[in-house]
Amino acid sequence: MTDLEIMEGITEVVREALDDDTIILTPSSVAGDFAGWDSFKNIAIVVATEMRFGVKFRTAEIESLKEIGDFVALIRKKKGA
């Protein structure tokens, strides 16, 4: 699975969670860049991402993420493990 495929999957999850089909994520995107992306939506996005990619995240892993690029790298690592 490529980083681009992972980014596309995360983008679809975020668009659905925030009900906004115009969202475009980049590796440097952060939650604060998008209206409505609060702590509750963050949980929904994490859970939906786990389901989409068939992975499980530990709380410490999620807390360490700074931007979408970090999320992509974490998913790539988990899918390769």
C-alpha atoms as a PDB file:
ATOM      1  CA  MET A   1       0.000   0.000   0.000  1.00  0.00           C
ATOM      2  CA  THR A   2       1.461   3.341  -1.049  1.00  0.00           C
ATOM      3  CA  ASP A   3       1.438   6.587   0.887  1.00  0.00           C
ATOM      4  CA  LEU A   4      -0.859   8.025  -1.783  1.00  0.00           C
ATOM      5  CA  GLU A   5      -3.372   5.212  -1.301  1.00  0.00           C
ATOM      6  CA  ILE A   6      -3.259   5.711   2.456  1.00  0.00           C
ATOM      7  CA  MET A   7      -3.705   9.482   2.055  1.00  0.00           C
ATOM      8  CA  GLU A   8      -6.692   8.931  -0.240  1.00  0.00           C
ATOM      9  CA  GLY A   9      -8.263   6.581   2.311  1.00  0.00           C
ATOM     10  CA  ILE A  10      -7.751   9.015   5.182  1.00  0.00           C
ATOM     11  CA  THR A  11      -9.153  11.834   3.040  1.00  0.00           C
ATOM     12  CA  GLU A  12     -12.326   9.828   2.405  1.00  0.00           C
ATOM     13  CA  VAL A  13     -12.683   9.103   6.133  1.00  0.00           C
ATOM     14  CA  VAL A  14     -12.209  12.771   7.059  1.00  0.00           C
ATOM     15  CA  ARG A  15     -14.601  13.974   4.356  1.00  0.00           C
ATOM     16  CA  GLU A  16     -17.273  11.614   5.643  1.00  0.00           C
ATOM     17  CA  ALA A  17     -16.688  12.460   9.315  1.00  0.00           C
ATOM     18  CA  LEU A  18     -16.793  16.208   8.671  1.00  0.00           C
ATOM     19  CA  ASP A  19     -19.496  15.945   5.979  1.00  0.00           C
ATOM     20  CA  ASP A  20     -17.424  17.986   3.535  1.00  0.00           C
ATOM     21  CA  ASP A  21     -16.507  16.523   0.146  1.00  0.00           C
ATOM     22  CA  THR A  22     -14.247  19.492  -0.661  1.00  0.00           C
ATOM     23  CA  ILE A  23     -11.587  18.640   1.938  1.00  0.00           C
ATOM     24  CA  ILE A  24      -8.127  18.122   0.515  1.00  0.00           C
ATOM     25  CA  LEU A  25      -5.527  16.732   2.899  1.00  0.00           C
ATOM     26  CA  THR A  26      -1.782  17.163   2.547  1.00  0.00           C
ATOM     27  CA  PRO A  27       0.970  15.582   4.622  1.00  0.00           C
ATOM     28  CA  SER A  28       1.259  18.834   6.597  1.00  0.00           C
ATOM     29  CA  SER A  29      -2.496  19.158   7.303  1.00  0.00           C
ATOM     30  CA  VAL A  30      -3.534  19.317  10.962  1.00  0.00           C
ATOM     31  CA  ALA A  31      -6.963  19.009  12.585  1.00  0.00           C
ATOM     32  CA  GLY A  32      -7.072  22.751  13.290  1.00  0.00           C
ATOM     33  CA  ASP A  33      -7.051  23.421   9.542  1.00  0.00           C
ATOM     34  CA  PHE A  34     -10.638  22.178   9.221  1.00  0.00           C
ATOM     35  CA  ALA A  35     -13.831  23.567  10.712  1.00  0.00           C
ATOM     36  CA  GLY A  36     -15.607  21.062  12.894  1.00  0.00           C
ATOM     37  CA  TRP A  37     -12.615  18.795  13.510  1.00  0.00           C
ATOM     38  CA  ASP A  38     -12.834  18.698  17.285  1.00  0.00           C
ATOM     39  CA  SER A  39     -11.901  16.022  19.825  1.00  0.00           C
ATOM     40  CA  PHE A  40     -15.132  14.096  19.236  1.00  0.00           C
ATOM     41  CA  LYS A  41     -14.635  14.068  15.470  1.00  0.00           C
ATOM     42  CA  ASN A  42     -11.027  13.063  16.030  1.00  0.00           C
ATOM     43  CA  ILE A  43     -12.171   9.913  17.833  1.00  0.00           C
ATOM     44  CA  ALA A  44     -14.610   9.132  15.035  1.00  0.00           C
ATOM     45  CA  ILE A  45     -11.873   9.629  12.431  1.00  0.00           C
ATOM     46  CA  VAL A  46      -9.442   7.382  14.304  1.00  0.00           C
ATOM     47  CA  VAL A  47     -12.016   4.592  14.701  1.00  0.00           C
ATOM     48  CA  ALA A  48     -13.136   4.840  11.065  1.00  0.00           C
ATOM     49  CA  THR A  49      -9.498   4.793   9.947  1.00  0.00           C
ATOM     50  CA  GLU A  50      -8.838   1.663  12.019  1.00  0.00           C
ATOM     51  CA  MET A  51     -11.801  -0.025  10.366  1.00  0.00           C
ATOM     52  CA  ARG A  52     -10.873   1.105   6.867  1.00  0.00           C
ATOM     53  CA  PHE A  53      -7.266  -0.073   7.051  1.00  0.00           C
ATOM     54  CA  GLY A  54      -7.726  -3.042   9.392  1.00  0.00           C
ATOM     55  CA  VAL A  55      -5.327  -1.721  12.021  1.00  0.00           C
ATOM     56  CA  LYS A  56      -5.493  -0.830  15.711  1.00  0.00           C
ATOM     57  CA  PHE A  57      -3.870   2.230  17.255  1.00  0.00           C
ATOM     58  CA  ARG A  58      -2.661   2.597  20.817  1.00  0.00           C
ATOM     59  CA  THR A  59      -3.534   5.812  22.634  1.00  0.00           C
ATOM     60  CA  ALA A  60       0.135   6.814  22.855  1.00  0.00           C
ATOM     61  CA  GLU A  61       0.473   6.437  19.075  1.00  0.00           C
ATOM     62  CA  ILE A  62      -2.475   8.724  18.412  1.00  0.00           C
ATOM     63  CA  GLU A  63      -1.279  11.284  20.952  1.00  0.00           C
ATOM     64  CA  SER A  64       2.126  11.428  19.234  1.00  0.00           C
ATOM     65  CA  LEU A  65       0.687  12.393  15.831  1.00  0.00           C
ATOM     66  CA  LYS A  66       1.245  16.003  14.822  1.00  0.00           C
ATOM     67  CA  GLU A  67       0.028  16.081  11.213  1.00  0.00           C
ATOM     68  CA  ILE A  68      -1.572  13.876   8.575  1.00  0.00           C
ATOM     69  CA  GLY A  69       1.824  12.794   7.239  1.00  0.00           C
ATOM     70  CA  ASP A  70       2.540  11.236  10.641  1.00  0.00           C
ATOM     71  CA  PHE A  71      -0.791   9.370  10.453  1.00  0.00           C
ATOM     72  CA  VAL A  72       0.106   8.051   6.983  1.00  0.00           C
ATOM     73  CA  ALA A  73       3.510   6.847   8.238  1.00  0.00           C
ATOM     74  CA  LEU A  74       1.912   5.110  11.227  1.00  0.00           C
ATOM     75  CA  ILE A  75      -0.606   3.292   9.024  1.00  0.00           C
ATOM     76  CA  ARG A  76       2.152   2.283   6.570  1.00  0.00           C
ATOM     77  CA  LYS A  77       4.200   0.918   9.483  1.00  0.00           C
ATOM     78  CA  LYS A  78       1.243  -1.035  10.881  1.00  0.00           C
ATOM     79  CA  LYS A  79       0.277  -2.443   7.481  1.00  0.00           C
ATOM     80  CA  GLY A  80       3.866  -3.567   6.926  1.00  0.00           C
ATOM     81  CA  ALA A  81       4.158  -5.216  10.326  1.00  0.00           C
END
